[in-house]
């Protein structure tokens, strides 16, 4: 039985990856410091013989006894609200955390897959974004703590690949959605759905002409799984190339939820990208991968998930306490 370590295991995407690897017959070791993750996302795995959980911050030394075949590094705040509240922790998990896990992979002779992001492209001057585009990032802007953490993450990963011969994979994740997202974490879909559930007007930042491309979580997990077992060490975009403006997307949400909210407009945050659309030519060729879940289907599943949360779960999804981490 192969063993995989998944960091950020209690987060949105990490928890779905735990499910997939358990389903595929792996022993799964989940690791999370729970600063943004929630044990609720993986509590269904606790009774299983082949699942373990370590409550640990990967920015500190990481030790896992026994053999490891694969490491998936998904520990990081991924939403604007989170990484703007905990900027230093965001930089540390992308730098120190990645360094620690690369070292662990070297010691264990394990293949490691690093979760990068479309944010490495910044506010792109090239559209759609392909892997050979170097990006347009403001290193000292408020979003730089996330963007540069991920760019450094890619650099040190390739350094370990070239210098130590480590088997590495890098996935550049575009906007992903589905059950287990946190409401009000600053990302478009949970923000809109949270407002719809509360009967509030939907808030658009800017004039709504900026675009995003939304990939359902099952498609994202499938792409990541295929990339891990490929022979390709350089970054690969995994996302849905179907682009939509935020203004049009807000209208989709209103139609989906059956509500009659208005759309209100506020100032666009600094360095918010105006366009976001993946070029997935490489993923199609290399992995024989492309997204399968239509947005109308995925959005209904996601909204039903939020709608069926208990009051306690809704509160936990909308409120995250960073008090214990702010001064570190």
Protein backbone atom coordinates (compact mmCIF):
# COMPACT_ATOMS: atom_id res chain seq x y z
CA UNK A 1 0.00 0.00 0.00
CA UNK A 2 1.40 3.38 -1.04
CA UNK A 3 1.42 6.21 1.51
CA UNK A 4 0.66 9.85 0.72
CA UNK A 5 1.04 12.89 2.99
CA UNK A 6 -1.45 15.67 2.22
CA UNK A 7 -0.86 19.03 3.89
CA UNK A 8 -3.77 21.42 4.25
CA UNK A 9 -5.84 18.26 4.61
CA UNK A 10 -8.71 19.90 6.51
CA UNK A 11 -9.13 22.63 3.92
CA UNK A 12 -11.53 22.73 0.99
CA UNK A 13 -9.34 21.19 -1.70
CA UNK A 14 -7.13 19.18 0.66
CA UNK A 15 -10.10 17.33 2.14
CA UNK A 16 -11.35 16.32 -1.31
CA UNK A 17 -7.88 15.05 -2.15
CA UNK A 18 -7.89 12.95 1.03
CA UNK A 19 -11.18 11.41 -0.12
CA UNK A 20 -9.79 10.65 -3.57
CA UNK A 21 -6.62 8.98 -2.35
CA UNK A 22 -8.50 6.89 0.21
CA UNK A 23 -10.83 5.80 -2.59
CA UNK A 24 -7.82 4.86 -4.72
CA UNK A 25 -6.48 2.55 -1.99
CA UNK A 26 -3.72 4.71 -0.50
CA UNK A 27 -2.78 5.14 3.12
CA UNK A 28 -3.42 8.86 3.71
CA UNK A 29 -1.70 11.00 6.31
CA UNK A 30 -3.44 14.35 6.62
CA UNK A 31 -1.67 17.35 8.16
CA UNK A 32 -3.14 20.75 9.02
CA UNK A 33 -2.68 23.44 11.66
CA UNK A 34 -6.40 24.32 11.31
CA UNK A 35 -5.74 28.03 10.94
CA UNK A 36 -8.13 28.09 7.96
CA UNK A 37 -9.07 24.39 7.73
CA UNK A 38 -11.89 22.67 9.59
CA UNK A 39 -11.85 19.15 11.03
CA UNK A 40 -15.50 18.86 9.97
CA UNK A 41 -14.21 18.43 6.41
CA UNK A 42 -12.37 15.20 7.23
CA UNK A 43 -14.07 13.81 10.35
CA UNK A 44 -15.75 11.14 8.21
CA UNK A 45 -12.26 9.73 7.56
CA UNK A 46 -11.20 9.37 11.21
CA UNK A 47 -12.70 5.88 11.72
CA UNK A 48 -10.84 4.52 8.69
CA UNK A 49 -7.85 2.23 9.24
CA UNK A 50 -5.79 3.84 6.50
CA UNK A 51 -6.21 7.48 7.51
CA UNK A 52 -4.15 9.41 10.08
CA UNK A 53 -4.25 13.06 11.02
CA UNK A 54 -1.43 15.22 12.40
CA UNK A 55 -2.29 18.63 13.86
CA UNK A 56 0.87 20.46 12.83
CA UNK A 57 2.12 23.67 11.23
CA UNK A 58 4.38 22.80 8.28
CA UNK A 59 6.25 26.10 8.73
CA UNK A 60 7.94 24.26 11.60
CA UNK A 61 10.06 21.13 11.22
CA UNK A 62 8.01 18.27 9.77
CA UNK A 63 8.60 14.69 10.86
CA UNK A 64 6.53 11.75 9.68
CA UNK A 65 7.62 8.26 10.80
CA UNK A 66 7.80 5.41 8.33
CA UNK A 67 7.82 5.44 4.56
CA UNK A 68 6.26 8.09 2.36
CA UNK A 69 5.74 7.59 -1.35
CA UNK A 70 4.07 10.89 -2.20
CA UNK A 71 3.60 14.36 -0.68
CA UNK A 72 0.94 16.84 -1.77
CA UNK A 73 1.60 20.30 -0.35
CA UNK A 74 -1.74 22.14 -0.15
CA UNK A 75 -1.20 24.00 3.14
CA UNK A 76 -1.80 27.70 2.59
CA UNK A 77 -4.46 30.34 3.06
CA UNK A 78 -6.04 30.66 -0.38
CA UNK A 79 -8.62 33.42 -0.05
CA UNK A 80 -8.05 37.20 0.07
CA UNK A 81 -9.73 37.61 3.46
CA UNK A 82 -7.48 34.93 4.96
CA UNK A 83 -4.12 35.93 3.55
CA UNK A 84 -4.71 39.64 4.17
CA UNK A 85 -5.44 38.87 7.84
CA UNK A 86 -2.45 36.56 8.23
CA UNK A 87 0.10 37.83 5.68
CA UNK A 88 3.24 36.67 7.48
CA UNK A 89 1.87 33.18 8.05
CA UNK A 90 0.97 33.05 4.35
CA UNK A 91 4.54 33.90 3.37
CA UNK A 92 5.94 31.41 5.87
CA UNK A 93 3.88 28.44 4.70
CA UNK A 94 4.89 29.17 1.10
CA UNK A 95 8.58 29.51 1.94
CA UNK A 96 9.53 27.72 5.18
CA UNK A 97 6.72 25.20 4.82
CA UNK A 98 7.65 24.33 1.26
CA UNK A 99 11.33 24.07 2.22
CA UNK A 100 10.48 21.71 5.07
CA UNK A 101 8.36 19.47 2.86
CA UNK A 102 10.90 19.39 0.04
CA UNK A 103 13.47 18.31 2.63
CA UNK A 104 11.11 15.61 3.86
CA UNK A 105 10.54 14.41 0.30
CA UNK A 106 14.31 14.21 -0.21
CA UNK A 107 14.83 12.19 2.98
CA UNK A 108 11.92 9.84 2.19
CA UNK A 109 12.74 9.62 -1.53
CA UNK A 110 9.13 10.65 -2.18
CA UNK A 111 7.59 12.41 -5.15
CA UNK A 112 6.15 15.80 -4.16
CA UNK A 113 3.41 17.82 -5.82
CA UNK A 114 3.22 21.53 -4.97
CA UNK A 115 -0.05 23.47 -5.16
CA UNK A 116 0.65 26.73 -6.95
CA UNK A 117 -1.98 29.11 -8.24
CA UNK A 118 -3.12 31.22 -11.16
CA UNK A 119 -2.19 34.19 -8.95
CA UNK A 120 1.42 33.75 -10.08
CA UNK A 121 0.23 35.46 -13.27
CA UNK A 122 -0.90 38.52 -11.27
CA UNK A 123 -3.05 40.94 -13.28
CA UNK A 124 -2.13 39.33 -16.60
CA UNK A 125 -1.16 41.19 -19.76
CA UNK A 126 -1.53 37.94 -21.73
CA UNK A 127 -4.91 36.27 -22.22
CA UNK A 128 -5.63 33.42 -21.75
CA UNK A 129 -2.74 32.54 -19.45
CA UNK A 130 -0.40 29.75 -20.52
CA UNK A 131 2.40 28.21 -18.45
CA UNK A 132 5.13 30.07 -20.38
CA UNK A 133 3.78 33.48 -19.31
CA UNK A 134 5.85 34.95 -16.46
CA UNK A 135 3.13 37.16 -15.02
CA UNK A 136 2.53 40.75 -13.94
CA UNK A 137 2.73 40.83 -10.13
CA UNK A 138 3.06 43.74 -7.70
CA UNK A 139 5.55 42.31 -5.21
CA UNK A 140 4.82 44.93 -2.52
CA UNK A 141 1.04 45.19 -2.90
CA UNK A 142 -1.32 43.65 -0.36
CA UNK A 143 -1.89 40.58 -2.56
CA UNK A 144 1.87 40.13 -2.95
CA UNK A 145 2.05 38.06 0.24
CA UNK A 146 0.13 35.28 -1.50
CA UNK A 147 1.36 35.79 -5.06
CA UNK A 148 5.03 35.92 -4.11
CA UNK A 149 4.73 33.03 -1.64
CA UNK A 150 3.51 30.89 -4.51
CA UNK A 151 6.11 32.17 -6.97
CA UNK A 152 8.88 31.42 -4.46
CA UNK A 153 7.29 28.02 -3.88
CA UNK A 154 7.66 27.21 -7.56
CA UNK A 155 11.27 28.46 -7.63
CA UNK A 156 12.50 26.43 -4.66
CA UNK A 157 10.67 23.35 -5.94
CA UNK A 158 12.45 23.57 -9.28
CA UNK A 159 15.76 24.17 -7.46
CA UNK A 160 15.28 20.91 -5.52
CA UNK A 161 14.36 19.16 -8.77
CA UNK A 162 17.45 20.40 -10.61
CA UNK A 163 20.00 20.28 -7.77
CA UNK A 164 18.87 17.18 -5.86
CA UNK A 165 17.11 15.31 -8.66
CA UNK A 166 13.92 15.29 -6.61
CA UNK A 167 10.76 14.12 -8.34
CA UNK A 168 8.53 17.20 -8.32
CA UNK A 169 5.20 18.26 -9.82
CA UNK A 170 3.65 21.75 -9.83
CA UNK A 171 -0.04 22.43 -10.39
CA UNK A 172 -1.24 25.96 -11.08
CA UNK A 173 -4.79 25.97 -9.75
CA UNK A 174 -7.39 28.33 -11.19
CA UNK A 175 -10.62 29.28 -9.39
CA UNK A 176 -12.11 26.09 -7.97
CA UNK A 177 -15.44 25.64 -6.21
CA UNK A 178 -17.64 23.02 -4.61
CA UNK A 179 -18.85 21.68 -1.25
CA UNK A 180 -16.72 22.46 1.85
CA UNK A 181 -15.77 25.97 0.78
CA UNK A 182 -16.10 28.51 3.59
CA UNK A 183 -18.75 31.18 3.23
CA UNK A 184 -17.46 34.77 3.20
CA UNK A 185 -13.81 33.82 2.71
CA UNK A 186 -13.44 36.54 0.09
CA UNK A 187 -13.75 34.32 -2.97
CA UNK A 188 -16.48 35.06 -5.48
CA UNK A 189 -18.70 31.98 -5.22
CA UNK A 190 -18.99 31.62 -1.42
CA UNK A 191 -19.32 35.39 -1.06
CA UNK A 192 -22.23 35.55 -3.51
CA UNK A 193 -23.89 32.44 -2.10
CA UNK A 194 -23.54 33.66 1.47
CA UNK A 195 -25.18 36.95 0.54
CA UNK A 196 -27.97 35.12 -1.30
CA UNK A 197 -28.66 32.87 1.70
CA UNK A 198 -28.89 35.89 3.99
CA UNK A 199 -31.10 37.83 1.57
CA UNK A 200 -28.47 40.53 1.09
CA UNK A 201 -27.66 42.36 -2.12
CA UNK A 202 -24.77 40.87 -4.09
CA UNK A 203 -21.58 42.94 -3.91
CA UNK A 204 -19.45 43.40 -7.01
CA UNK A 205 -16.08 45.07 -6.70
CA UNK A 206 -15.31 47.29 -9.68
CA UNK A 207 -17.72 47.48 -12.61
CA UNK A 208 -18.10 43.70 -12.91
CA UNK A 209 -16.36 43.46 -16.28
CA UNK A 210 -13.47 41.48 -14.78
CA UNK A 211 -13.58 37.79 -15.65
CA UNK A 212 -13.05 34.50 -13.87
CA UNK A 213 -13.11 30.84 -14.89
CA UNK A 214 -14.62 28.40 -12.39
CA UNK A 215 -13.63 24.73 -12.14
CA UNK A 216 -15.68 22.23 -10.13
CA UNK A 217 -13.69 20.48 -7.40
CA UNK A 218 -14.08 16.95 -8.80
CA UNK A 219 -12.54 18.08 -12.09
CA UNK A 220 -9.73 19.84 -10.24
CA UNK A 221 -8.95 16.75 -8.14
CA UNK A 222 -8.90 14.56 -11.26
CA UNK A 223 -6.39 16.89 -12.93
CA UNK A 224 -4.17 16.95 -9.84
CA UNK A 225 -4.29 13.16 -9.55
CA UNK A 226 -3.25 12.70 -13.16
CA UNK A 227 -0.47 15.26 -12.85
CA UNK A 228 1.01 13.52 -9.80
CA UNK A 229 1.41 10.30 -11.78
CA UNK A 230 2.69 11.97 -14.93
CA UNK A 231 6.37 12.35 -15.86
CA UNK A 232 6.26 16.15 -16.10
CA UNK A 233 8.11 18.34 -13.57
CA UNK A 234 7.18 21.83 -14.75
CA UNK A 235 4.02 23.83 -13.91
CA UNK A 236 0.70 22.77 -15.43
CA UNK A 237 -2.51 24.83 -15.45
CA UNK A 238 -5.55 22.99 -14.12
CA UNK A 239 -8.76 24.98 -14.44
CA UNK A 240 -11.87 25.49 -16.50
CA UNK A 241 -11.29 27.70 -19.57
CA UNK A 242 -14.97 28.78 -19.75
CA UNK A 243 -14.66 32.48 -18.91
CA UNK A 244 -17.46 34.63 -17.50
CA UNK A 245 -17.64 38.23 -16.27
CA UNK A 246 -18.39 38.80 -12.60
CA UNK A 247 -21.44 40.86 -13.57
CA UNK A 248 -22.92 37.99 -15.60
CA UNK A 249 -21.97 35.52 -12.89
CA UNK A 250 -23.90 37.52 -10.28
CA UNK A 251 -26.98 37.24 -12.46
CA UNK A 252 -26.44 33.46 -12.66
CA UNK A 253 -26.36 33.29 -8.85
CA UNK A 254 -29.57 35.28 -8.51
CA UNK A 255 -31.27 32.95 -10.99
CA UNK A 256 -29.90 29.83 -9.29
CA UNK A 257 -30.96 30.87 -5.80
CA UNK A 258 -34.38 32.09 -6.87
CA UNK A 259 -33.88 35.36 -5.02
CA UNK A 260 -34.50 38.92 -6.13
CA UNK A 261 -31.48 40.71 -4.72
CA UNK A 262 -30.00 43.74 -6.36
CA UNK A 263 -26.37 43.99 -7.37
CA UNK A 264 -24.38 46.74 -5.68
CA UNK A 265 -20.95 48.01 -6.70
CA UNK A 266 -17.93 48.89 -4.57
CA UNK A 267 -14.37 49.98 -5.33
CA UNK A 268 -12.07 47.37 -6.81
CA UNK A 269 -9.33 46.21 -4.37
CA UNK A 270 -5.70 46.94 -5.22
CA UNK A 271 -4.13 44.63 -7.83
CA UNK A 272 -7.31 42.60 -8.32
CA UNK A 273 -6.80 40.81 -11.66
CA UNK A 274 -9.07 41.91 -14.48
CA UNK A 275 -8.85 38.65 -16.40
CA UNK A 276 -8.44 35.06 -15.38
CA UNK A 277 -8.69 32.25 -17.93
CA UNK A 278 -6.44 29.20 -18.12
CA UNK A 279 -4.90 27.93 -21.32
CA UNK A 280 -5.19 24.17 -20.70
CA UNK A 281 -3.56 23.02 -23.94
CA UNK A 282 -0.72 21.43 -21.98
CA UNK A 283 -3.05 19.59 -19.57
CA UNK A 284 -5.06 18.22 -22.49
CA UNK A 285 -1.94 16.98 -24.26
CA UNK A 286 0.03 15.77 -21.25
CA UNK A 287 -2.73 14.41 -19.01
CA UNK A 288 -5.61 13.86 -21.43
CA UNK A 289 -7.53 16.07 -19.01
CA UNK A 290 -10.24 18.66 -19.44
CA UNK A 291 -13.10 19.66 -17.11
CA UNK A 292 -16.31 17.64 -17.43
CA UNK A 293 -18.75 19.19 -14.93
CA UNK A 294 -20.95 21.91 -16.39
CA UNK A 295 -21.05 25.06 -14.25
CA UNK A 296 -24.84 24.94 -13.91
CA UNK A 297 -24.59 21.47 -12.36
CA UNK A 298 -21.62 22.21 -10.13
CA UNK A 299 -23.16 25.45 -8.90
CA UNK A 300 -26.40 23.73 -7.94
CA UNK A 301 -24.49 21.07 -5.97
CA UNK A 302 -22.51 23.79 -4.21
CA UNK A 303 -25.53 25.94 -3.38
CA UNK A 304 -27.42 22.89 -2.06
CA UNK A 305 -24.43 22.16 0.18
CA UNK A 306 -24.51 25.66 1.70
CA UNK A 307 -28.29 25.68 1.94
CA UNK A 308 -28.31 22.43 3.93
CA UNK A 309 -25.69 23.45 6.50
CA UNK A 310 -26.91 23.59 10.10
CA UNK A 311 -26.85 26.93 11.92
CA UNK A 312 -23.71 25.84 13.80
CA UNK A 313 -21.99 24.83 10.56
CA UNK A 314 -23.03 28.06 8.87
CA UNK A 315 -21.57 30.08 11.73
CA UNK A 316 -18.31 28.10 11.65
CA UNK A 317 -18.12 28.49 7.87
CA UNK A 318 -18.57 32.26 8.10
CA UNK A 319 -16.29 32.94 11.09
CA UNK A 320 -12.66 31.97 11.48
CA UNK A 321 -10.64 33.04 14.51
CA UNK A 322 -7.05 33.95 13.70
CA UNK A 323 -6.36 35.35 17.18
CA UNK A 324 -3.81 32.70 18.16
CA UNK A 325 -1.80 33.19 14.99
CA UNK A 326 -1.70 36.95 14.45
CA UNK A 327 1.43 37.74 16.51
CA UNK A 328 3.59 34.83 15.41
